Amino acid sequence: MKSRYGNEILQITIFFEALFFYLILGVIAWLIFSLFMRGNLFAVNQIEVIGNQSLSGKYIQSASGIEIGQSIFGLRSWEIENRIRKINDVKSVKVQKVFPHLIRIEIVERTPLAKVVIGDTWFYIDDQGVRVNAPSDNPEQLISLFVPSLENNSILLTLEVIRAWLSDFDTPLKRVKMVHDHLFILQLQNDIFIKCESVQNLKEKISILKPLLREVQIKALKVVGFDLRMKKDIVLIQDEEEVF
C-alpha cells in the first residue's frame, strides 16, 4: 500500500513539475513574441515598390496601409495585396517580407492594348477588358476595336479573337471589327483583311493561313484579304467590297 501511495505522489509531483515547466516556457515565449511585435527589433523601416511605371511609389505605399515602425510579424501579405488590388491600374501584386525590416511590393500595371470604339464613344482597355487611362505615348499604335454595342459581351468576344491572333501570328493588327457574334473582320498593319466567325475558326486555319500571309509578304502580292469561314478551305478576297 505504501509503495502504491508513494508512486501516486511521485506521479502527481512529476505532473505539476511538467505543468510548471511548460507554464514558464509559455511565459517566456509570450515575452519573446511581445518583444518582436512591439519592439523595434523587427520594425519595418523601408517599403520598396518595384514594377511601377505610371503609378508613384508613394501612392502604392499609401494604398498598402503599411506604416513605418510596424512590426513585420504583425503584417499579413495577403491583406496588403488585397488593398493594393483595389487600384484599377494594378493588374497583379506580390508582397514579400524581407527580414528584419523590409517590405517589398512588386506590381504589374495594366497597359492599354486596344482603343474601343462604339459609335461616337471611345475608351481604352487592357488585355483583360478593364478600362485604363489613355497611353501617354503613341496611342495611334494601339489596336482599334470596333463593336456595335456593349451588350452580349461583345468586347470580351472580340478580345478573345485579338489574343488568339497575337499568340499565333507575327503580323501586327491594325483594327478588329465585330459585325455580329459570328463575324469578325481583322485588318492587319499591311492592310490585308481577315474574315472569321470565331476564335476556334481562326485557330483551325492557322496552318493554312500562315504560309499564305508569308507568301503575300515575300512576293509582295496584291491581295485584299482572306475569308476563313469555309469549313476546310480559305477563300481569297479580291475586292474590298467583299470585305464589308
C-alpha atoms as a PDB file:
ATOM      1  CA  MET A   1       0.000   0.000   0.000  1.00  0.00           C
ATOM      2  CA  LYS A   2       2.785   2.418   0.938  1.00  0.00           C
ATOM      3  CA  SER A   3       4.584   1.692  -2.317  1.00  0.00           C
ATOM      4  CA  ARG A   4       1.438   2.307  -4.321  1.00  0.00           C
ATOM      5  CA  TYR A   5       0.704   5.509  -2.393  1.00  0.00           C
ATOM      6  CA  GLY A   6       4.286   6.672  -2.964  1.00  0.00           C
ATOM      7  CA  ASN A   7       4.025   6.075  -6.707  1.00  0.00           C
ATOM      8  CA  GLU A   8       0.854   8.147  -6.886  1.00  0.00           C
ATOM      9  CA  ILE A   9       2.543  11.018  -5.030  1.00  0.00           C
ATOM     10  CA  LEU A  10       5.526  10.767  -7.393  1.00  0.00           C
ATOM     11  CA  GLN A  11       3.285  10.861 -10.479  1.00  0.00           C
ATOM     12  CA  ILE A  12       1.419  13.897  -9.155  1.00  0.00           C
ATOM     13  CA  THR A  13       4.723  15.630  -8.398  1.00  0.00           C
ATOM     14  CA  ILE A  14       6.051  14.916 -11.906  1.00  0.00           C
ATOM     15  CA  PHE A  15       2.793  16.197 -13.414  1.00  0.00           C
ATOM     16  CA  PHE A  16       2.959  19.505 -11.548  1.00  0.00           C
ATOM     17  CA  GLU A  17       6.665  19.902 -12.309  1.00  0.00           C
ATOM     18  CA  ALA A  18       5.950  19.399 -16.027  1.00  0.00           C
ATOM     19  CA  LEU A  19       2.989  21.773 -15.822  1.00  0.00           C
ATOM     20  CA  PHE A  20       5.137  24.407 -14.124  1.00  0.00           C
ATOM     21  CA  PHE A  21       7.906  23.915 -16.712  1.00  0.00           C
ATOM     22  CA  TYR A  22       5.563  24.382 -19.679  1.00  0.00           C
ATOM     23  CA  LEU A  23       3.912  27.347 -17.959  1.00  0.00           C
ATOM     24  CA  ILE A  24       7.290  29.056 -17.575  1.00  0.00           C
ATOM     25  CA  LEU A  25       8.150  28.144 -21.170  1.00  0.00           C
ATOM     26  CA  GLY A  26       4.870  29.668 -22.366  1.00  0.00           C
ATOM     27  CA  VAL A  27       5.505  32.882 -20.449  1.00  0.00           C
ATOM     28  CA  ILE A  28       8.988  33.155 -21.960  1.00  0.00           C
ATOM     29  CA  ALA A  29       7.602  32.530 -25.466  1.00  0.00           C
ATOM     30  CA  TRP A  30       4.916  35.168 -24.919  1.00  0.00           C
ATOM     31  CA  LEU A  31       7.525  37.682 -23.744  1.00  0.00           C
ATOM     32  CA  ILE A  32       9.686  36.981 -26.793  1.00  0.00           C
ATOM     33  CA  PHE A  33       6.668  37.287 -29.090  1.00  0.00           C
ATOM     34  CA  SER A  34       5.692  40.577 -27.436  1.00  0.00           C
ATOM     35  CA  LEU A  35       9.242  41.820 -27.936  1.00  0.00           C
ATOM     36  CA  PHE A  36       9.049  41.001 -31.640  1.00  0.00           C
ATOM     37  CA  MET A  37       5.584  42.513 -32.026  1.00  0.00           C
ATOM     38  CA  ARG A  38       6.103  45.713 -30.044  1.00  0.00           C
ATOM     39  CA  GLY A  39       9.801  46.306 -30.074  1.00  0.00           C
ATOM     40  CA  ASN A  40      11.994  47.816 -32.779  1.00  0.00           C
ATOM     41  CA  LEU A  41      13.943  44.636 -33.362  1.00  0.00           C
ATOM     42  CA  PHE A  42      11.693  43.708 -36.322  1.00  0.00           C
ATOM     43  CA  ALA A  43      10.090  47.077 -37.057  1.00  0.00           C
ATOM     44  CA  VAL A  44       9.523  47.979 -40.713  1.00  0.00           C
ATOM     45  CA  ASN A  45      11.822  50.823 -41.715  1.00  0.00           C
ATOM     46  CA  GLN A  46      11.701  50.500 -45.507  1.00  0.00           C
ATOM     47  CA  ILE A  47       8.979  49.853 -48.111  1.00  0.00           C
ATOM     48  CA  GLU A  48      10.284  49.031 -51.581  1.00  0.00           C
ATOM     49  CA  VAL A  49       7.990  49.283 -54.620  1.00  0.00           C
ATOM     50  CA  ILE A  50       9.149  47.718 -57.898  1.00  0.00           C
ATOM     51  CA  GLY A  51       7.488  47.258 -61.281  1.00  0.00           C
ATOM     52  CA  ASN A  52       5.513  50.506 -61.156  1.00  0.00           C
ATOM     53  CA  GLN A  53       5.619  52.793 -64.187  1.00  0.00           C
ATOM     54  CA  SER A  54       2.835  55.363 -64.183  1.00  0.00           C
ATOM     55  CA  LEU A  55       1.847  54.827 -60.534  1.00  0.00           C
ATOM     56  CA  SER A  56       4.120  56.509 -57.993  1.00  0.00           C
ATOM     57  CA  GLY A  57       5.817  54.528 -55.257  1.00  0.00           C
ATOM     58  CA  LYS A  58       4.351  56.841 -52.605  1.00  0.00           C
ATOM     59  CA  TYR A  59       0.845  56.200 -53.918  1.00  0.00           C
ATOM     60  CA  ILE A  60       1.359  52.432 -53.738  1.00  0.00           C
ATOM     61  CA  GLN A  61       2.807  52.718 -50.225  1.00  0.00           C
ATOM     62  CA  SER A  62      -0.174  54.769 -49.087  1.00  0.00           C
ATOM     63  CA  ALA A  63      -2.641  52.268 -50.569  1.00  0.00           C
ATOM     64  CA  SER A  64      -0.821  49.376 -48.870  1.00  0.00           C
ATOM     65  CA  GLY A  65      -1.725  50.670 -45.411  1.00  0.00           C
ATOM     66  CA  ILE A  66       1.755  49.863 -44.072  1.00  0.00           C
ATOM     67  CA  GLU A  67       3.222  52.289 -41.554  1.00  0.00           C
ATOM     68  CA  ILE A  68       6.904  52.693 -40.834  1.00  0.00           C
ATOM     69  CA  GLY A  69       7.608  51.303 -37.371  1.00  0.00           C
ATOM     70  CA  GLN A  70       5.049  48.497 -37.530  1.00  0.00           C
ATOM     71  CA  SER A  71       6.269  45.055 -36.545  1.00  0.00           C
ATOM     72  CA  ILE A  72       6.936  42.968 -39.634  1.00  0.00           C
ATOM     73  CA  PHE A  73       5.348  39.998 -37.817  1.00  0.00           C
ATOM     74  CA  GLY A  74       2.062  41.877 -37.474  1.00  0.00           C
ATOM     75  CA  LEU A  75       1.647  42.341 -41.230  1.00  0.00           C
ATOM     76  CA  ARG A  76      -0.219  39.864 -43.437  1.00  0.00           C
ATOM     77  CA  SER A  77       0.966  39.829 -47.035  1.00  0.00           C
ATOM     78  CA  TRP A  78      -2.408  38.779 -48.456  1.00  0.00           C
ATOM     79  CA  GLU A  79      -4.195  41.666 -46.708  1.00  0.00           C
ATOM     80  CA  ILE A  80      -1.721  44.170 -48.166  1.00  0.00           C
ATOM     81  CA  GLU A  81      -2.128  42.627 -51.632  1.00  0.00           C
ATOM     82  CA  ASN A  82      -5.927  42.869 -51.416  1.00  0.00           C
ATOM     83  CA  ARG A  83      -5.707  46.571 -50.559  1.00  0.00           C
ATOM     84  CA  ILE A  84      -3.385  47.309 -53.478  1.00  0.00           C
ATOM     85  CA  ARG A  85      -5.524  45.289 -55.922  1.00  0.00           C
ATOM     86  CA  LYS A  86      -8.299  47.831 -55.399  1.00  0.00           C
ATOM     87  CA  ILE A  87      -6.260  50.260 -57.521  1.00  0.00           C
ATOM     88  CA  ASN A  88      -7.734  49.979 -61.014  1.00  0.00           C
ATOM     89  CA  ASP A  89      -4.376  50.320 -62.793  1.00  0.00           C
ATOM     90  CA  VAL A  90      -2.808  47.419 -60.858  1.00  0.00           C
ATOM     91  CA  LYS A  91      -3.040  44.134 -62.744  1.00  0.00           C
ATOM     92  CA  SER A  92      -1.219  41.945 -60.214  1.00  0.00           C
ATOM     93  CA  VAL A  93       0.710  42.413 -56.977  1.00  0.00           C
ATOM     94  CA  LYS A  94       3.024  40.336 -54.804  1.00  0.00           C
ATOM     95  CA  VAL A  95       4.153  41.342 -51.305  1.00  0.00           C
ATOM     96  CA  GLN A  96       7.267  39.892 -49.671  1.00  0.00           C
ATOM     97  CA  LYS A  97       8.599  40.268 -46.145  1.00  0.00           C
ATOM     98  CA  VAL A  98      12.367  40.609 -46.234  1.00  0.00           C
ATOM     99  CA  PHE A  99      13.503  40.224 -42.641  1.00  0.00           C
ATOM    100  CA  PRO A 100      14.201  42.037 -40.500  1.00  0.00           C
ATOM    101  CA  HIS A 101      12.977  45.455 -41.714  1.00  0.00           C
ATOM    102  CA  LEU A 102      11.953  45.497 -45.407  1.00  0.00           C
ATOM    103  CA  ILE A 103       8.599  45.069 -47.164  1.00  0.00           C
ATOM    104  CA  ARG A 104       8.912  44.578 -50.930  1.00  0.00           C
ATOM    105  CA  ILE A 105       5.872  45.276 -53.124  1.00  0.00           C
ATOM    106  CA  GLU A 106       6.105  44.056 -56.715  1.00  0.00           C
ATOM    107  CA  ILE A 107       3.336  45.156 -59.061  1.00  0.00           C
ATOM    108  CA  VAL A 108       2.398  44.753 -62.698  1.00  0.00           C
ATOM    109  CA  GLU A 109       0.453  47.685 -64.092  1.00  0.00           C
ATOM    110  CA  ARG A 110      -2.315  47.442 -66.619  1.00  0.00           C
ATOM    111  CA  THR A 111      -1.277  48.705 -70.047  1.00  0.00           C
ATOM    112  CA  PRO A 112      -3.597  49.700 -72.904  1.00  0.00           C
ATOM    113  CA  LEU A 113      -3.980  47.067 -75.611  1.00  0.00           C
ATOM    114  CA  ALA A 114      -6.826  48.480 -77.667  1.00  0.00           C
ATOM    115  CA  LYS A 115      -8.963  51.534 -78.266  1.00  0.00           C
ATOM    116  CA  VAL A 116     -12.627  50.534 -78.118  1.00  0.00           C
ATOM    117  CA  VAL A 117     -14.908  52.436 -80.481  1.00  0.00           C
ATOM    118  CA  ILE A 118     -18.709  52.299 -80.164  1.00  0.00           C
ATOM    119  CA  GLY A 119     -20.277  54.868 -82.452  1.00  0.00           C
ATOM    120  CA  ASP A 120     -19.022  58.266 -81.262  1.00  0.00           C
ATOM    121  CA  THR A 121     -17.810  56.863 -77.933  1.00  0.00           C
ATOM    122  CA  TRP A 122     -14.310  55.512 -77.338  1.00  0.00           C
ATOM    123  CA  PHE A 123     -12.105  54.406 -74.450  1.00  0.00           C
ATOM    124  CA  TYR A 124      -9.036  52.248 -73.795  1.00  0.00           C
ATOM    125  CA  ILE A 125      -8.840  48.731 -72.359  1.00  0.00           C
ATOM    126  CA  ASP A 126      -6.100  46.275 -71.408  1.00  0.00           C
ATOM    127  CA  ASP A 127      -5.853  42.627 -72.460  1.00  0.00           C
ATOM    128  CA  GLN A 128      -8.429  41.635 -69.819  1.00  0.00           C
ATOM    129  CA  GLY A 129     -11.017  44.168 -70.955  1.00  0.00           C
ATOM    130  CA  VAL A 130     -10.504  46.513 -67.990  1.00  0.00           C
ATOM    131  CA  ARG A 131     -10.758  50.217 -68.772  1.00  0.00           C
ATOM    132  CA  VAL A 132      -7.461  52.056 -68.393  1.00  0.00           C
ATOM    133  CA  ASN A 133      -6.148  55.567 -68.895  1.00  0.00           C
ATOM    134  CA  ALA A 134      -5.098  56.768 -72.319  1.00  0.00           C
ATOM    135  CA  PRO A 135      -1.461  55.953 -73.142  1.00  0.00           C
ATOM    136  CA  SER A 136       0.963  58.846 -72.873  1.00  0.00           C
ATOM    137  CA  ASP A 137       2.921  57.810 -75.972  1.00  0.00           C
ATOM    138  CA  ASN A 138       1.808  56.763 -79.468  1.00  0.00           C
ATOM    139  CA  PRO A 139      -1.881  55.951 -78.869  1.00  0.00           C
ATOM    140  CA  GLU A 140      -2.281  55.511 -82.629  1.00  0.00           C
ATOM    141  CA  GLN A 141      -0.217  52.321 -82.424  1.00  0.00           C
ATOM    142  CA  LEU A 142      -2.881  50.561 -80.369  1.00  0.00           C
ATOM    143  CA  ILE A 143      -5.347  48.162 -81.970  1.00  0.00           C
ATOM    144  CA  SER A 144      -8.702  49.756 -82.764  1.00  0.00           C
ATOM    145  CA  LEU A 145     -11.564  47.567 -81.577  1.00  0.00           C
ATOM    146  CA  PHE A 146     -14.979  48.297 -83.098  1.00  0.00           C
ATOM    147  CA  VAL A 147     -18.101  46.763 -81.550  1.00  0.00           C
ATOM    148  CA  PRO A 148     -21.779  47.516 -82.249  1.00  0.00           C
ATOM    149  CA  SER A 149     -22.635  47.886 -78.536  1.00  0.00           C
ATOM    150  CA  LEU A 150     -21.639  46.890 -75.013  1.00  0.00           C
ATOM    151  CA  GLU A 151     -24.231  44.115 -74.947  1.00  0.00           C
ATOM    152  CA  ASN A 152     -23.671  40.348 -75.160  1.00  0.00           C
ATOM    153  CA  ASN A 153     -20.025  40.510 -74.041  1.00  0.00           C
ATOM    154  CA  SER A 154     -19.088  41.987 -77.402  1.00  0.00           C
ATOM    155  CA  ILE A 155     -15.812  43.481 -76.128  1.00  0.00           C
ATOM    156  CA  LEU A 156     -14.684  40.256 -74.453  1.00  0.00           C
ATOM    157  CA  LEU A 157     -15.560  38.170 -77.518  1.00  0.00           C
ATOM    158  CA  THR A 158     -13.551  40.498 -79.748  1.00  0.00           C
ATOM    159  CA  LEU A 159     -10.678  40.483 -77.262  1.00  0.00           C
ATOM    160  CA  GLU A 160     -10.547  36.693 -77.498  1.00  0.00           C
ATOM    161  CA  VAL A 161     -10.052  36.998 -81.255  1.00  0.00           C
ATOM    162  CA  ILE A 162      -7.312  39.605 -80.732  1.00  0.00           C
ATOM    163  CA  ARG A 163      -5.500  37.476 -78.153  1.00  0.00           C
ATOM    164  CA  ALA A 164      -5.683  34.438 -80.426  1.00  0.00           C
ATOM    165  CA  TRP A 165      -4.167  36.413 -83.291  1.00  0.00           C
ATOM    166  CA  LEU A 166      -1.383  37.891 -81.159  1.00  0.00           C
ATOM    167  CA  SER A 167      -0.441  34.486 -79.767  1.00  0.00           C
ATOM    168  CA  ASP A 168      -0.287  32.673 -83.126  1.00  0.00           C
ATOM    169  CA  PHE A 169       0.648  35.254 -85.772  1.00  0.00           C
ATOM    170  CA  ASP A 170       3.532  37.683 -86.238  1.00  0.00           C
ATOM    171  CA  THR A 171       1.794  40.218 -88.478  1.00  0.00           C
ATOM    172  CA  PRO A 172       0.590  43.136 -86.292  1.00  0.00           C
ATOM    173  CA  LEU A 173      -3.077  44.038 -86.090  1.00  0.00           C
ATOM    174  CA  LYS A 174      -4.397  47.464 -87.002  1.00  0.00           C
ATOM    175  CA  ARG A 175      -8.076  47.027 -86.157  1.00  0.00           C
ATOM    176  CA  VAL A 176     -10.741  44.426 -85.437  1.00  0.00           C
ATOM    177  CA  LYS A 177     -14.433  44.921 -86.089  1.00  0.00           C
ATOM    178  CA  MET A 178     -17.169  42.779 -84.622  1.00  0.00           C
ATOM    179  CA  VAL A 179     -20.042  42.810 -87.125  1.00  0.00           C
ATOM    180  CA  HIS A 180     -22.078  40.345 -85.061  1.00  0.00           C
ATOM    181  CA  ASP A 181     -21.483  37.277 -82.852  1.00  0.00           C
ATOM    182  CA  HIS A 182     -20.299  35.147 -85.777  1.00  0.00           C
ATOM    183  CA  LEU A 183     -18.412  37.622 -87.946  1.00  0.00           C
ATOM    184  CA  PHE A 184     -15.179  39.402 -87.087  1.00  0.00           C
ATOM    185  CA  ILE A 185     -13.169  41.431 -89.602  1.00  0.00           C
ATOM    186  CA  LEU A 186      -9.466  41.846 -88.847  1.00  0.00           C
ATOM    187  CA  GLN A 187      -7.348  44.429 -90.629  1.00  0.00           C
ATOM    188  CA  LEU A 188      -3.599  43.860 -90.443  1.00  0.00           C
ATOM    189  CA  GLN A 189      -0.919  46.544 -90.451  1.00  0.00           C
ATOM    190  CA  ASN A 190      -0.165  45.622 -94.071  1.00  0.00           C
ATOM    191  CA  ASP A 191      -3.866  46.334 -94.821  1.00  0.00           C
ATOM    192  CA  ILE A 192      -4.796  42.726 -95.524  1.00  0.00           C
ATOM    193  CA  PHE A 193      -8.265  41.798 -94.237  1.00  0.00           C
ATOM    194  CA  ILE A 194      -9.180  38.554 -92.479  1.00  0.00           C
ATOM    195  CA  LYS A 195     -12.788  37.449 -92.007  1.00  0.00           C
ATOM    196  CA  CYS A 196     -13.551  34.791 -89.395  1.00  0.00           C
ATOM    197  CA  GLU A 197     -16.526  33.684 -87.356  1.00  0.00           C
ATOM    198  CA  SER A 198     -14.857  32.867 -84.018  1.00  0.00           C
ATOM    199  CA  VAL A 199     -11.620  32.180 -82.174  1.00  0.00           C
ATOM    200  CA  GLN A 200     -11.992  28.490 -82.950  1.00  0.00           C
ATOM    201  CA  ASN A 201     -12.421  29.253 -86.638  1.00  0.00           C
ATOM    202  CA  LEU A 202      -9.225  31.345 -86.590  1.00  0.00           C
ATOM    203  CA  LYS A 203      -7.203  28.676 -84.798  1.00  0.00           C
ATOM    204  CA  GLU A 204      -8.390  25.920 -87.134  1.00  0.00           C
ATOM    205  CA  LYS A 205      -6.995  27.818 -90.145  1.00  0.00           C
ATOM    206  CA  ILE A 206      -3.579  28.718 -88.665  1.00  0.00           C
ATOM    207  CA  SER A 207      -1.669  26.049 -90.584  1.00  0.00           C
ATOM    208  CA  ILE A 208      -3.166  27.212 -93.891  1.00  0.00           C
ATOM    209  CA  LEU A 209      -3.214  30.964 -93.274  1.00  0.00           C
ATOM    210  CA  LYS A 210       0.349  31.396 -92.035  1.00  0.00           C
ATOM    211  CA  PRO A 211       2.035  30.237 -95.278  1.00  0.00           C
ATOM    212  CA  LEU A 212      -0.359  32.370 -97.314  1.00  0.00           C
ATOM    213  CA  LEU A 213       0.494  35.503 -95.356  1.00  0.00           C
ATOM    214  CA  ARG A 214       4.189  34.725 -95.662  1.00  0.00           C
ATOM    215  CA  GLU A 215       3.879  34.283 -99.417  1.00  0.00           C
ATOM    216  CA  VAL A 216       1.980  37.561 -99.772  1.00  0.00           C
ATOM    217  CA  GLN A 217       4.712  39.371 -97.868  1.00  0.00           C
ATOM    218  CA  ILE A 218       7.662  37.784 -99.692  1.00  0.00           C
ATOM    219  CA  LYS A 219       6.217  38.106-103.180  1.00  0.00           C
ATOM    220  CA  ALA A 220       4.521  41.454-102.498  1.00  0.00           C
ATOM    221  CA  LEU A 221       1.294  40.067-103.909  1.00  0.00           C
ATOM    222  CA  LYS A 222      -1.692  42.352-104.198  1.00  0.00           C
ATOM    223  CA  VAL A 223      -4.247  40.597-102.050  1.00  0.00           C
ATOM    224  CA  VAL A 224      -7.216  42.241-100.362  1.00  0.00           C
ATOM    225  CA  GLY A 225      -7.741  39.502 -97.800  1.00  0.00           C
ATOM    226  CA  PHE A 226      -8.845  36.011 -96.810  1.00  0.00           C
ATOM    227  CA  ASP A 227     -12.190  34.620 -95.663  1.00  0.00           C
ATOM    228  CA  LEU A 228     -11.760  31.762 -93.166  1.00  0.00           C
ATOM    229  CA  ARG A 229     -15.402  30.858 -92.712  1.00  0.00           C
ATOM    230  CA  MET A 230     -15.475  27.930 -95.143  1.00  0.00           C
ATOM    231  CA  LYS A 231     -15.201  24.598 -93.322  1.00  0.00           C
ATOM    232  CA  LYS A 232     -12.000  23.334 -94.934  1.00  0.00           C
ATOM    233  CA  ASP A 233     -10.708  25.979 -97.317  1.00  0.00           C
ATOM    234  CA  ILE A 234      -9.773  29.652 -97.246  1.00  0.00           C
ATOM    235  CA  VAL A 235     -11.464  31.947 -99.748  1.00  0.00           C
ATOM    236  CA  LEU A 236      -9.402  34.681-101.379  1.00  0.00           C
ATOM    237  CA  ILE A 237     -10.958  38.150-101.124  1.00  0.00           C
ATOM    238  CA  GLN A 238     -10.183  40.030-104.322  1.00  0.00           C
ATOM    239  CA  ASP A 239     -12.257  43.171-103.865  1.00  0.00           C
ATOM    240  CA  GLU A 240     -12.687  45.466-100.838  1.00  0.00           C
ATOM    241  CA  GLU A 241     -16.431  45.409-101.415  1.00  0.00           C
ATOM    242  CA  GLU A 242     -16.329  41.733-100.417  1.00  0.00           C
ATOM    243  CA  VAL A 243     -14.850  42.656 -97.025  1.00  0.00           C
ATOM    244  CA  PHE A 244     -17.756  44.680 -95.715  1.00  0.00           C
END
